[in-house]
């Protein structure tokens, strides 16, 4: 599955990318067609397709009502807002290069991960 979001495929991003130069130069787009050709030539690869999940997610979000948007934002709040949240702590430790042990980034990332039951029951889980 080839990963490319709608933004990666947008002409306006290709235009912007062509205008960047020097230290501002960066890749803003992707070419799934050339990537597919590359992967199809690889041994043991039988099928190469664009991963549609980013497009499907955006389409689902376009049809959310105000209550749906609010529920999704509320579900994400602990991950982004609370400095004491495990994910926040894990990210800070990750940036400091402290990955292992009971006070390492990996430990806090695991604490931040919702259980499979929580994921299945969440409003963010597509049925």
Protein backbone atom coordinates (compact mmCIF):
# COMPACT_ATOMS: atom_id res chain seq x y z
CA UNK A 1 0.00 0.00 0.00
CA UNK A 2 1.41 3.37 -1.01
CA UNK A 3 0.96 6.18 1.47
CA UNK A 4 -0.07 9.50 -0.04
CA UNK A 5 -2.52 11.99 1.40
CA UNK A 6 -4.61 14.31 -0.75
CA UNK A 7 -2.18 17.09 0.15
CA UNK A 8 0.75 14.99 -1.12
CA UNK A 9 -0.99 14.74 -4.49
CA UNK A 10 -2.19 18.35 -4.81
CA UNK A 11 -0.93 20.44 -7.73
CA UNK A 12 -0.64 23.48 -5.49
CA UNK A 13 1.87 21.63 -3.31
CA UNK A 14 3.93 20.70 -6.39
CA UNK A 15 3.91 24.37 -7.41
CA UNK A 16 4.97 25.46 -3.93
CA UNK A 17 7.65 22.76 -3.84
CA UNK A 18 9.10 24.05 -7.14
CA UNK A 19 9.41 27.57 -5.68
CA UNK A 20 11.45 26.49 -2.65
CA UNK A 21 15.21 26.84 -2.92
CA UNK A 22 18.33 26.66 -0.80
CA UNK A 23 17.78 25.92 2.90
CA UNK A 24 14.00 26.18 2.36
CA UNK A 25 13.95 23.34 -0.21
CA UNK A 26 11.90 20.36 0.86
CA UNK A 27 9.71 17.64 -0.62
CA UNK A 28 6.00 18.37 -0.22
CA UNK A 29 4.56 15.90 -2.71
CA UNK A 30 4.76 12.25 -3.62
CA UNK A 31 4.45 10.32 -6.84
CA UNK A 32 2.54 7.09 -6.24
CA UNK A 33 2.86 6.15 -9.92
CA UNK A 34 6.67 6.12 -9.85
CA UNK A 35 6.66 4.48 -6.40
CA UNK A 36 4.33 1.76 -7.71
CA UNK A 37 6.66 1.07 -10.64
CA UNK A 38 9.58 0.76 -8.24
CA UNK A 39 7.78 -1.66 -5.91
CA UNK A 40 6.29 -3.76 -8.72
CA UNK A 41 9.83 -4.45 -9.90
CA UNK A 42 10.77 -5.82 -6.46
CA UNK A 43 10.83 -9.56 -5.87
CA UNK A 44 7.89 -11.04 -3.94
CA UNK A 45 5.67 -7.95 -4.40
CA UNK A 46 2.54 -8.98 -6.25
CA UNK A 47 0.24 -5.99 -5.83
CA UNK A 48 0.84 -2.28 -5.31
CA UNK A 49 -2.03 0.12 -4.66
CA UNK A 50 -2.66 3.52 -3.17
CA UNK A 51 -3.66 3.30 0.49
CA UNK A 52 -7.13 4.81 0.58
CA UNK A 53 -7.43 5.23 4.35
CA UNK A 54 -6.36 8.94 4.38
CA UNK A 55 -8.99 9.74 1.73
CA UNK A 56 -11.70 7.73 3.51
CA UNK A 57 -10.88 9.43 6.83
CA UNK A 58 -11.20 12.89 5.31
CA UNK A 59 -14.49 11.93 3.69
CA UNK A 60 -15.89 10.64 7.01
CA UNK A 61 -14.78 13.83 8.76
CA UNK A 62 -16.51 16.00 6.15
CA UNK A 63 -19.83 14.47 7.18
CA UNK A 64 -19.49 14.85 10.95
CA UNK A 65 -22.04 17.01 12.69
CA UNK A 66 -21.03 19.46 15.44
CA UNK A 67 -21.55 16.83 18.13
CA UNK A 68 -19.33 14.36 16.26
CA UNK A 69 -16.55 16.93 15.90
CA UNK A 70 -16.80 17.83 19.57
CA UNK A 71 -16.67 14.15 20.62
CA UNK A 72 -13.52 13.54 18.54
CA UNK A 73 -11.81 16.63 19.92
CA UNK A 74 -12.70 15.65 23.49
CA UNK A 75 -11.28 12.16 22.92
CA UNK A 76 -7.94 13.64 21.80
CA UNK A 77 -7.65 16.24 24.56
CA UNK A 78 -5.63 14.12 27.00
CA UNK A 79 -3.01 13.44 24.34
CA UNK A 80 -2.33 17.05 23.45
CA UNK A 81 -3.28 19.39 26.26
CA UNK A 82 -2.33 17.88 29.57
CA UNK A 83 1.39 18.25 30.38
CA UNK A 84 1.09 15.39 32.86
CA UNK A 85 -0.32 13.04 30.18
CA UNK A 86 1.87 10.01 29.44
CA UNK A 87 2.08 10.86 25.73
CA UNK A 88 3.38 14.36 26.49
CA UNK A 89 5.97 12.95 28.90
CA UNK A 90 6.97 10.27 26.37
CA UNK A 91 7.49 12.83 23.63
CA UNK A 92 9.68 15.00 25.85
CA UNK A 93 11.81 12.03 26.85
CA UNK A 94 12.00 10.94 23.22
CA UNK A 95 13.36 14.36 22.21
CA UNK A 96 15.93 14.08 25.02
CA UNK A 97 17.03 10.66 23.72
CA UNK A 98 15.86 8.82 26.86
CA UNK A 99 14.07 5.75 25.49
CA UNK A 100 14.51 2.86 27.95
CA UNK A 101 13.59 2.07 31.53
CA UNK A 102 10.71 2.99 33.81
CA UNK A 103 11.38 6.68 33.17
CA UNK A 104 11.94 6.33 29.42
CA UNK A 105 9.91 7.40 26.43
CA UNK A 106 8.86 3.85 25.51
CA UNK A 107 7.35 3.30 28.95
CA UNK A 108 5.26 6.47 28.68
CA UNK A 109 4.23 5.72 25.09
CA UNK A 110 2.91 2.36 26.29
CA UNK A 111 1.01 4.06 29.13
CA UNK A 112 -0.58 6.44 26.63
CA UNK A 113 -1.78 3.67 24.34
CA UNK A 114 -5.49 2.95 24.78
CA UNK A 115 -6.40 -0.68 25.35
CA UNK A 116 -7.93 -2.67 22.50
CA UNK A 117 -11.28 -2.50 24.32
CA UNK A 118 -11.05 1.30 24.58
CA UNK A 119 -10.18 1.56 20.90
CA UNK A 120 -13.12 -0.62 19.89
CA UNK A 121 -15.55 1.35 22.04
CA UNK A 122 -14.28 4.81 21.07
CA UNK A 123 -16.12 7.24 18.84
CA UNK A 124 -12.96 7.46 16.72
CA UNK A 125 -13.23 3.79 15.75
CA UNK A 126 -14.91 3.33 12.34
CA UNK A 127 -17.58 0.64 12.54
